[in-house]
Amino acid sequence: MVFEPFEDESDFELLADKLGEDDPAVRRVAVMDLADTADPEAIPLIASTVKDESPEVRLQAAIALGEFDGLATATALCLLLQDTDNRVI
């Protein structure tokens, strides 16, 4: 997938699609873009990456979730605290 300049970070559908890409770098950037929206609607999308196969994506999810409050955020962060990869916790 090619990133186009000046894309609208608030396009949740596009960012959700990027979370399903094969390339972990694309998924990681999508998590960053979701966090940059500062929209609470991004929380479930970011939380969906806490079980991503890539530790870099999971780490980015932890960083991104740290910018939000609420029960869904706390639940996702608790899952990340149980991660077995030292790069994530």
PDB file of N, CA and C in Angstrom:
ATOM      1  N   MET A   1       0.842  -1.173   0.000  1.00  0.00           N
ATOM      2  CA  MET A   1       0.000   0.000   0.000  1.00  0.00           C
ATOM      3  C   MET A   1       0.885   1.232   0.000  1.00  0.00           C
ATOM      4  N   VAL A   2       0.523   2.208  -0.776  1.00  0.00           N
ATOM      5  CA  VAL A   2       1.277   3.448  -0.890  1.00  0.00           C
ATOM      6  C   VAL A   2       0.560   4.521  -0.083  1.00  0.00           C
ATOM      7  N   PHE A   3       1.319   5.245   0.724  1.00  0.00           N
ATOM      8  CA  PHE A   3       0.741   6.359   1.465  1.00  0.00           C
ATOM      9  C   PHE A   3       0.759   7.592   0.584  1.00  0.00           C
ATOM     10  N   GLU A   4      -0.370   8.239   0.500  1.00  0.00           N
ATOM     11  CA  GLU A   4      -0.466   9.450  -0.292  1.00  0.00           C
ATOM     12  C   GLU A   4      -0.234  10.648   0.612  1.00  0.00           C
ATOM     13  N   PRO A   5       0.449  11.668   0.126  1.00  0.00           N
ATOM     14  CA  PRO A   5       0.683  12.843   0.961  1.00  0.00           C
ATOM     15  C   PRO A   5      -0.619  13.559   1.292  1.00  0.00           C
ATOM     16  N   PHE A   6      -0.638  14.131   2.466  1.00  0.00           N
ATOM     17  CA  PHE A   6      -1.760  14.940   2.928  1.00  0.00           C
ATOM     18  C   PHE A   6      -3.058  14.143   3.049  1.00  0.00           C
ATOM     19  N   GLU A   7      -2.934  12.861   3.362  1.00  0.00           N
ATOM     20  CA  GLU A   7      -4.166  12.101   3.533  1.00  0.00           C
ATOM     21  C   GLU A   7      -4.888  12.560   4.796  1.00  0.00           C
ATOM     22  N   ASP A   8      -6.186  12.413   4.795  1.00  0.00           N
ATOM     23  CA  ASP A   8      -7.031  12.824   5.906  1.00  0.00           C
ATOM     24  C   ASP A   8      -6.938  11.779   6.999  1.00  0.00           C
ATOM     25  N   GLU A   9      -6.273  12.115   8.117  1.00  0.00           N
ATOM     26  CA  GLU A   9      -6.084  11.167   9.202  1.00  0.00           C
ATOM     27  C   GLU A   9      -7.388  10.800   9.898  1.00  0.00           C
ATOM     28  N   SER A  10      -8.443  11.552   9.686  1.00  0.00           N
ATOM     29  CA  SER A  10      -9.699  11.258  10.356  1.00  0.00           C
ATOM     30  C   SER A  10     -10.549  10.253   9.577  1.00  0.00           C
ATOM     31  N   ASP A  11     -10.066   9.766   8.461  1.00  0.00           N
ATOM     32  CA  ASP A  11     -10.798   8.786   7.672  1.00  0.00           C
ATOM     33  C   ASP A  11     -10.599   7.410   8.310  1.00  0.00           C
ATOM     34  N   PHE A  12     -11.459   7.082   9.268  1.00  0.00           N
ATOM     35  CA  PHE A  12     -11.313   5.845  10.033  1.00  0.00           C
ATOM     36  C   PHE A  12     -11.411   4.604   9.160  1.00  0.00           C
ATOM     37  N   GLU A  13     -12.213   4.650   8.121  1.00  0.00           N
ATOM     38  CA  GLU A  13     -12.353   3.480   7.255  1.00  0.00           C
ATOM     39  C   GLU A  13     -11.026   3.173   6.558  1.00  0.00           C
ATOM     40  N   LEU A  14     -10.375   4.191   6.050  1.00  0.00           N
ATOM     41  CA  LEU A  14      -9.084   4.015   5.395  1.00  0.00           C
ATOM     42  C   LEU A  14      -8.040   3.506   6.386  1.00  0.00           C
ATOM     43  N   LEU A  15      -8.023   4.099   7.571  1.00  0.00           N
ATOM     44  CA  LEU A  15      -7.056   3.678   8.578  1.00  0.00           C
ATOM     45  C   LEU A  15      -7.340   2.259   9.064  1.00  0.00           C
ATOM     46  N   ALA A  16      -8.598   1.906   9.184  1.00  0.00           N
ATOM     47  CA  ALA A  16      -8.960   0.531   9.571  1.00  0.00           C
ATOM     48  C   ALA A  16      -8.470  -0.451   8.513  1.00  0.00           C
ATOM     49  N   ASP A  17      -8.588  -0.093   7.254  1.00  0.00           N
ATOM     50  CA  ASP A  17      -8.083  -0.948   6.173  1.00  0.00           C
ATOM     51  C   ASP A  17      -6.574  -1.127   6.287  1.00  0.00           C
ATOM     52  N   LYS A  18      -5.874  -0.064   6.643  1.00  0.00           N
ATOM     53  CA  LYS A  18      -4.417  -0.141   6.773  1.00  0.00           C
ATOM     54  C   LYS A  18      -4.007  -1.055   7.930  1.00  0.00           C
ATOM     55  N   LEU A  19      -4.858  -1.174   8.946  1.00  0.00           N
ATOM     56  CA  LEU A  19      -4.558  -2.080  10.059  1.00  0.00           C
ATOM     57  C   LEU A  19      -4.561  -3.535   9.611  1.00  0.00           C
ATOM     58  N   GLY A  20      -5.166  -3.808   8.475  1.00  0.00           N
ATOM     59  CA  GLY A  20      -5.206  -5.167   7.946  1.00  0.00           C
ATOM     60  C   GLY A  20      -4.135  -5.462   6.905  1.00  0.00           C
ATOM     61  N   GLU A  21      -3.269  -4.517   6.650  1.00  0.00           N
ATOM     62  CA  GLU A  21      -2.213  -4.712   5.648  1.00  0.00           C
ATOM     63  C   GLU A  21      -1.195  -5.750   6.111  1.00  0.00           C
ATOM     64  N   ASP A  22      -0.527  -6.378   5.163  1.00  0.00           N
ATOM     65  CA  ASP A  22       0.508  -7.374   5.475  1.00  0.00           C
ATOM     66  C   ASP A  22       1.754  -6.745   6.095  1.00  0.00           C
ATOM     67  N   ASP A  23       2.095  -5.561   5.661  1.00  0.00           N
ATOM     68  CA  ASP A  23       3.321  -4.898   6.107  1.00  0.00           C
ATOM     69  C   ASP A  23       3.121  -4.307   7.514  1.00  0.00           C
ATOM     70  N   PRO A  24       3.900  -4.771   8.506  1.00  0.00           N
ATOM     71  CA  PRO A  24       3.741  -4.242   9.864  1.00  0.00           C
ATOM     72  C   PRO A  24       4.046  -2.749   9.964  1.00  0.00           C
ATOM     73  N   ALA A  25       4.911  -2.236   9.092  1.00  0.00           N
ATOM     74  CA  ALA A  25       5.199  -0.800   9.116  1.00  0.00           C
ATOM     75  C   ALA A  25       3.961   0.009   8.752  1.00  0.00           C
ATOM     76  N   VAL A  26       3.179  -0.479   7.817  1.00  0.00           N
ATOM     77  CA  VAL A  26       1.932   0.192   7.431  1.00  0.00           C
ATOM     78  C   VAL A  26       0.952   0.157   8.596  1.00  0.00           C
ATOM     79  N   ARG A  27       0.855  -0.994   9.257  1.00  0.00           N
ATOM     80  CA  ARG A  27      -0.053  -1.109  10.413  1.00  0.00           C
ATOM     81  C   ARG A  27       0.379  -0.177  11.540  1.00  0.00           C
ATOM     82  N   ARG A  28       1.684  -0.087  11.773  1.00  0.00           N
ATOM     83  CA  ARG A  28       2.219   0.773  12.834  1.00  0.00           C
ATOM     84  C   ARG A  28       1.896   2.236  12.549  1.00  0.00           C
ATOM     85  N   VAL A  29       2.083   2.664  11.325  1.00  0.00           N
ATOM     86  CA  VAL A  29       1.773   4.051  10.955  1.00  0.00           C
ATOM     87  C   VAL A  29       0.277   4.309  11.075  1.00  0.00           C
ATOM     88  N   ALA A  30      -0.537   3.336  10.738  1.00  0.00           N
ATOM     89  CA  ALA A  30      -1.993   3.497  10.879  1.00  0.00           C
ATOM     90  C   ALA A  30      -2.362   3.718  12.345  1.00  0.00           C
ATOM     91  N   VAL A  31      -1.712   2.998  13.252  1.00  0.00           N
ATOM     92  CA  VAL A  31      -1.963   3.201  14.688  1.00  0.00           C
ATOM     93  C   VAL A  31      -1.572   4.620  15.085  1.00  0.00           C
ATOM     94  N   MET A  32      -0.430   5.095  14.605  1.00  0.00           N
ATOM     95  CA  MET A  32      -0.009   6.471  14.898  1.00  0.00           C
ATOM     96  C   MET A  32      -1.016   7.478  14.355  1.00  0.00           C
ATOM     97  N   ASP A  33      -1.477   7.248  13.133  1.00  0.00           N
ATOM     98  CA  ASP A  33      -2.451   8.162  12.531  1.00  0.00           C
ATOM     99  C   ASP A  33      -3.762   8.166  13.304  1.00  0.00           C
ATOM    100  N   LEU A  34      -4.177   7.004  13.781  1.00  0.00           N
ATOM    101  CA  LEU A  34      -5.395   6.933  14.590  1.00  0.00           C
ATOM    102  C   LEU A  34      -5.222   7.730  15.875  1.00  0.00           C
ATOM    103  N   ALA A  35      -4.083   7.593  16.518  1.00  0.00           N
ATOM    104  CA  ALA A  35      -3.832   8.357  17.749  1.00  0.00           C
ATOM    105  C   ALA A  35      -3.807   9.853  17.469  1.00  0.00           C
ATOM    106  N   ASP A  36      -3.261  10.228  16.327  1.00  0.00           N
ATOM    107  CA  ASP A  36      -3.181  11.643  15.968  1.00  0.00           C
ATOM    108  C   ASP A  36      -4.549  12.293  15.789  1.00  0.00           C
ATOM    109  N   THR A  37      -5.567  11.497  15.531  1.00  0.00           N
ATOM    110  CA  THR A  37      -6.905  12.074  15.398  1.00  0.00           C
ATOM    111  C   THR A  37      -7.421  12.592  16.734  1.00  0.00           C
ATOM    112  N   ALA A  38      -6.910  12.017  17.842  1.00  0.00           N
ATOM    113  CA  ALA A  38      -7.362  12.371  19.194  1.00  0.00           C
ATOM    114  C   ALA A  38      -8.862  12.162  19.367  1.00  0.00           C
ATOM    115  N   ASP A  39      -9.438  11.340  18.524  1.00  0.00           N
ATOM    116  CA  ASP A  39     -10.869  11.057  18.570  1.00  0.00           C
ATOM    117  C   ASP A  39     -11.092   9.759  19.346  1.00  0.00           C
ATOM    118  N   PRO A  40     -11.928   9.773  20.377  1.00  0.00           N
ATOM    119  CA  PRO A  40     -12.202   8.557  21.143  1.00  0.00           C
ATOM    120  C   PRO A  40     -12.729   7.400  20.290  1.00  0.00           C
ATOM    121  N   GLU A  41     -13.277   7.711  19.129  1.00  0.00           N
ATOM    122  CA  GLU A  41     -13.745   6.644  18.242  1.00  0.00           C
ATOM    123  C   GLU A  41     -12.578   5.816  17.703  1.00  0.00           C
ATOM    124  N   ALA A  42     -11.377   6.310  17.831  1.00  0.00           N
ATOM    125  CA  ALA A  42     -10.198   5.571  17.381  1.00  0.00           C
ATOM    126  C   ALA A  42      -9.805   4.462  18.357  1.00  0.00           C
ATOM    127  N   ILE A  43     -10.266   4.550  19.595  1.00  0.00           N
ATOM    128  CA  ILE A  43      -9.851   3.597  20.626  1.00  0.00           C
ATOM    129  C   ILE A  43     -10.104   2.148  20.225  1.00  0.00           C
ATOM    130  N   PRO A  44     -11.300   1.772  19.773  1.00  0.00           N
ATOM    131  CA  PRO A  44     -11.506   0.366  19.415  1.00  0.00           C
ATOM    132  C   PRO A  44     -10.595  -0.106  18.283  1.00  0.00           C
ATOM    133  N   LEU A  45     -10.309   0.766  17.352  1.00  0.00           N
ATOM    134  CA  LEU A  45      -9.413   0.400  16.251  1.00  0.00           C
ATOM    135  C   LEU A  45      -7.991   0.184  16.760  1.00  0.00           C
ATOM    136  N   ILE A  46      -7.536   1.083  17.610  1.00  0.00           N
ATOM    137  CA  ILE A  46      -6.199   0.923  18.177  1.00  0.00           C
ATOM    138  C   ILE A  46      -6.159  -0.330  19.054  1.00  0.00           C
ATOM    139  N   ALA A  47      -7.194  -0.524  19.863  1.00  0.00           N
ATOM    140  CA  ALA A  47      -7.254  -1.686  20.756  1.00  0.00           C
ATOM    141  C   ALA A  47      -7.243  -2.996  19.978  1.00  0.00           C
ATOM    142  N   SER A  48      -7.719  -2.968  18.753  1.00  0.00           N
ATOM    143  CA  SER A  48      -7.738  -4.187  17.953  1.00  0.00           C
ATOM    144  C   SER A  48      -6.342  -4.664  17.584  1.00  0.00           C
ATOM    145  N   THR A  49      -5.339  -3.828  17.797  1.00  0.00           N
ATOM    146  CA  THR A  49      -3.974  -4.187  17.429  1.00  0.00           C
ATOM    147  C   THR A  49      -3.157  -4.740  18.595  1.00  0.00           C
ATOM    148  N   VAL A  50      -3.759  -4.889  19.769  1.00  0.00           N
ATOM    149  CA  VAL A  50      -2.986  -5.363  20.921  1.00  0.00           C
ATOM    150  C   VAL A  50      -2.546  -6.811  20.777  1.00  0.00           C
ATOM    151  N   LYS A  51      -3.129  -7.531  19.852  1.00  0.00           N
ATOM    152  CA  LYS A  51      -2.735  -8.920  19.584  1.00  0.00           C
ATOM    153  C   LYS A  51      -2.064  -9.051  18.210  1.00  0.00           C
ATOM    154  N   ASP A  52      -1.632  -7.931  17.644  1.00  0.00           N
ATOM    155  CA  ASP A  52      -0.967  -7.958  16.342  1.00  0.00           C
ATOM    156  C   ASP A  52       0.264  -8.853  16.419  1.00  0.00           C
ATOM    157  N   GLU A  53       0.595  -9.496  15.322  1.00  0.00           N
ATOM    158  CA  GLU A  53       1.760 -10.393  15.287  1.00  0.00           C
ATOM    159  C   GLU A  53       3.080  -9.652  15.432  1.00  0.00           C
ATOM    160  N   SER A  54       3.094  -8.371  15.125  1.00  0.00           N
ATOM    161  CA  SER A  54       4.320  -7.576  15.171  1.00  0.00           C
ATOM    162  C   SER A  54       4.455  -6.871  16.526  1.00  0.00           C
ATOM    163  N   PRO A  55       5.571  -7.083  17.225  1.00  0.00           N
ATOM    164  CA  PRO A  55       5.767  -6.375  18.494  1.00  0.00           C
ATOM    165  C   PRO A  55       5.854  -4.857  18.310  1.00  0.00           C
ATOM    166  N   GLU A  56       6.333  -4.408  17.155  1.00  0.00           N
ATOM    167  CA  GLU A  56       6.409  -2.973  16.904  1.00  0.00           C
ATOM    168  C   GLU A  56       5.017  -2.347  16.831  1.00  0.00           C
ATOM    169  N   VAL A  57       4.074  -3.084  16.251  1.00  0.00           N
ATOM    170  CA  VAL A  57       2.692  -2.589  16.177  1.00  0.00           C
ATOM    171  C   VAL A  57       2.078  -2.584  17.569  1.00  0.00           C
ATOM    172  N   ARG A  58       2.334  -3.636  18.343  1.00  0.00           N
ATOM    173  CA  ARG A  58       1.789  -3.696  19.706  1.00  0.00           C
ATOM    174  C   ARG A  58       2.373  -2.585  20.575  1.00  0.00           C
ATOM    175  N   LEU A  59       3.667  -2.317  20.425  1.00  0.00           N
ATOM    176  CA  LEU A  59       4.283  -1.218  21.170  1.00  0.00           C
ATOM    177  C   LEU A  59       3.650   0.112  20.779  1.00  0.00           C
ATOM    178  N   GLN A  60       3.436   0.313  19.484  1.00  0.00           N
ATOM    179  CA  GLN A  60       2.812   1.558  19.034  1.00  0.00           C
ATOM    180  C   GLN A  60       1.392   1.672  19.580  1.00  0.00           C
ATOM    181  N   ALA A  61       0.695   0.546  19.677  1.00  0.00           N
ATOM    182  CA  ALA A  61      -0.652   0.559  20.267  1.00  0.00           C
ATOM    183  C   ALA A  61      -0.588   1.004  21.721  1.00  0.00           C
ATOM    184  N   ALA A  62       0.394   0.505  22.473  1.00  0.00           N
ATOM    185  CA  ALA A  62       0.536   0.911  23.872  1.00  0.00           C
ATOM    186  C   ALA A  62       0.799   2.410  23.985  1.00  0.00           C
ATOM    187  N   ILE A  63       1.678   2.906  23.140  1.00  0.00           N
ATOM    188  CA  ILE A  63       1.978   4.339  23.149  1.00  0.00           C
ATOM    189  C   ILE A  63       0.728   5.145  22.790  1.00  0.00           C
ATOM    190  N   ALA A  64       0.027   4.710  21.757  1.00  0.00           N
ATOM    191  CA  ALA A  64      -1.171   5.425  21.298  1.00  0.00           C
ATOM    192  C   ALA A  64      -2.271   5.405  22.346  1.00  0.00           C
ATOM    193  N   LEU A  65      -2.475   4.252  22.959  1.00  0.00           N
ATOM    194  CA  LEU A  65      -3.537   4.142  23.962  1.00  0.00           C
ATOM    195  C   LEU A  65      -3.255   5.009  25.182  1.00  0.00           C
ATOM    196  N   GLY A  66      -1.985   5.274  25.441  1.00  0.00           N
ATOM    197  CA  GLY A  66      -1.626   6.144  26.553  1.00  0.00           C
ATOM    198  C   GLY A  66      -2.141   7.566  26.402  1.00  0.00           C
ATOM    199  N   GLU A  67      -2.590   7.914  25.215  1.00  0.00           N
ATOM    200  CA  GLU A  67      -3.125   9.255  24.964  1.00  0.00           C
ATOM    201  C   GLU A  67      -4.631   9.356  25.210  1.00  0.00           C
ATOM    202  N   PHE A  68      -5.254   8.227  25.571  1.00  0.00           N
ATOM    203  CA  PHE A  68      -6.695   8.202  25.754  1.00  0.00           C
ATOM    204  C   PHE A  68      -7.048   7.743  27.170  1.00  0.00           C
ATOM    205  N   ASP A  69      -8.275   8.007  27.577  1.00  0.00           N
ATOM    206  CA  ASP A  69      -8.796   7.567  28.867  1.00  0.00           C
ATOM    207  C   ASP A  69      -9.979   6.636  28.641  1.00  0.00           C
ATOM    208  N   GLY A  70     -10.399   5.962  29.698  1.00  0.00           N
ATOM    209  CA  GLY A  70     -11.615   5.172  29.640  1.00  0.00           C
ATOM    210  C   GLY A  70     -11.377   3.692  29.858  1.00  0.00           C
ATOM    211  N   LEU A  71     -12.473   2.992  30.053  1.00  0.00           N
ATOM    212  CA  LEU A  71     -12.427   1.568  30.348  1.00  0.00           C
ATOM    213  C   LEU A  71     -11.851   0.752  29.200  1.00  0.00           C
ATOM    214  N   ALA A  72     -12.245   1.044  27.970  1.00  0.00           N
ATOM    215  CA  ALA A  72     -11.727   0.294  26.820  1.00  0.00           C
ATOM    216  C   ALA A  72     -10.221   0.478  26.692  1.00  0.00           C
ATOM    217  N   THR A  73      -9.752   1.675  26.968  1.00  0.00           N
ATOM    218  CA  THR A  73      -8.321   1.941  26.925  1.00  0.00           C
ATOM    219  C   THR A  73      -7.602   1.152  28.009  1.00  0.00           C
ATOM    220  N   ALA A  74      -8.134   1.193  29.223  1.00  0.00           N
ATOM    221  CA  ALA A  74      -7.514   0.475  30.342  1.00  0.00           C
ATOM    222  C   ALA A  74      -7.483  -1.029  30.084  1.00  0.00           C
ATOM    223  N   THR A  75      -8.554  -1.560  29.527  1.00  0.00           N
ATOM    224  CA  THR A  75      -8.614  -2.990  29.224  1.00  0.00           C
ATOM    225  C   THR A  75      -7.545  -3.381  28.207  1.00  0.00           C
ATOM    226  N   ALA A  76      -7.417  -2.592  27.161  1.00  0.00           N
ATOM    227  CA  ALA A  76      -6.424  -2.879  26.129  1.00  0.00           C
ATOM    228  C   ALA A  76      -5.004  -2.758  26.688  1.00  0.00           C
ATOM    229  N   LEU A  77      -4.771  -1.755  27.521  1.00  0.00           N
ATOM    230  CA  LEU A  77      -3.443  -1.600  28.110  1.00  0.00           C
ATOM    231  C   LEU A  77      -3.113  -2.757  29.055  1.00  0.00           C
ATOM    232  N   CYS A  78      -4.102  -3.256  29.767  1.00  0.00           N
ATOM    233  CA  CYS A  78      -3.886  -4.422  30.636  1.00  0.00           C
ATOM    234  C   CYS A  78      -3.477  -5.641  29.811  1.00  0.00           C
ATOM    235  N   LEU A  79      -4.081  -5.809  28.657  1.00  0.00           N
ATOM    236  CA  LEU A  79      -3.684  -6.911  27.780  1.00  0.00           C
ATOM    237  C   LEU A  79      -2.234  -6.746  27.325  1.00  0.00           C
ATOM    238  N   LEU A  80      -1.852  -5.527  27.028  1.00  0.00           N
ATOM    239  CA  LEU A  80      -0.486  -5.272  26.584  1.00  0.00           C
ATOM    240  C   LEU A  80       0.531  -5.494  27.708  1.00  0.00           C
ATOM    241  N   LEU A  81       0.119  -5.284  28.946  1.00  0.00           N
ATOM    242  CA  LEU A  81       1.022  -5.537  30.072  1.00  0.00           C
ATOM    243  C   LEU A  81       1.363  -7.021  30.206  1.00  0.00           C
ATOM    244  N   GLN A  82       0.530  -7.865  29.625  1.00  0.00           N
ATOM    245  CA  GLN A  82       0.755  -9.310  29.671  1.00  0.00           C
ATOM    246  C   GLN A  82       1.572  -9.800  28.483  1.00  0.00           C
ATOM    247  N   ASP A  83       1.989  -8.896  27.625  1.00  0.00           N
ATOM    248  CA  ASP A  83       2.736  -9.271  26.433  1.00  0.00           C
ATOM    249  C   ASP A  83       4.039  -9.959  26.833  1.00  0.00           C
ATOM    250  N   THR A  84       4.393 -11.014  26.125  1.00  0.00           N
ATOM    251  CA  THR A  84       5.591 -11.762  26.460  1.00  0.00           C
ATOM    252  C   THR A  84       6.845 -11.211  25.788  1.00  0.00           C
ATOM    253  N   ASP A  85       6.713 -10.248  24.916  1.00  0.00           N
ATOM    254  CA  ASP A  85       7.858  -9.659  24.229  1.00  0.00           C
ATOM    255  C   ASP A  85       8.328  -8.432  25.009  1.00  0.00           C
ATOM    256  N   ASN A  86       9.570  -8.439  25.430  1.00  0.00           N
ATOM    257  CA  ASN A  86      10.122  -7.330  26.218  1.00  0.00           C
ATOM    258  C   ASN A  86      10.141  -6.006  25.483  1.00  0.00           C
ATOM    259  N   ARG A  87      10.039  -6.039  24.160  1.00  0.00           N
ATOM    260  CA  ARG A  87      10.003  -4.770  23.407  1.00  0.00           C
ATOM    261  C   ARG A  87       8.696  -4.055  23.589  1.00  0.00           C
ATOM    262  N   VAL A  88       7.674  -4.765  24.053  1.00  0.00           N
ATOM    263  CA  VAL A  88       6.341  -4.176  24.176  1.00  0.00           C
ATOM    264  C   VAL A  88       6.087  -3.650  25.590  1.00  0.00           C
ATOM    265  N   ILE A  89       6.534  -4.384  26.582  1.00  0.00           N
ATOM    266  CA  ILE A  89       6.225  -3.986  27.971  1.00  0.00           C
ATOM    267  C   ILE A  89       7.331  -3.176  28.604  1.00  0.00           C
TER     268      ILE A  89
END
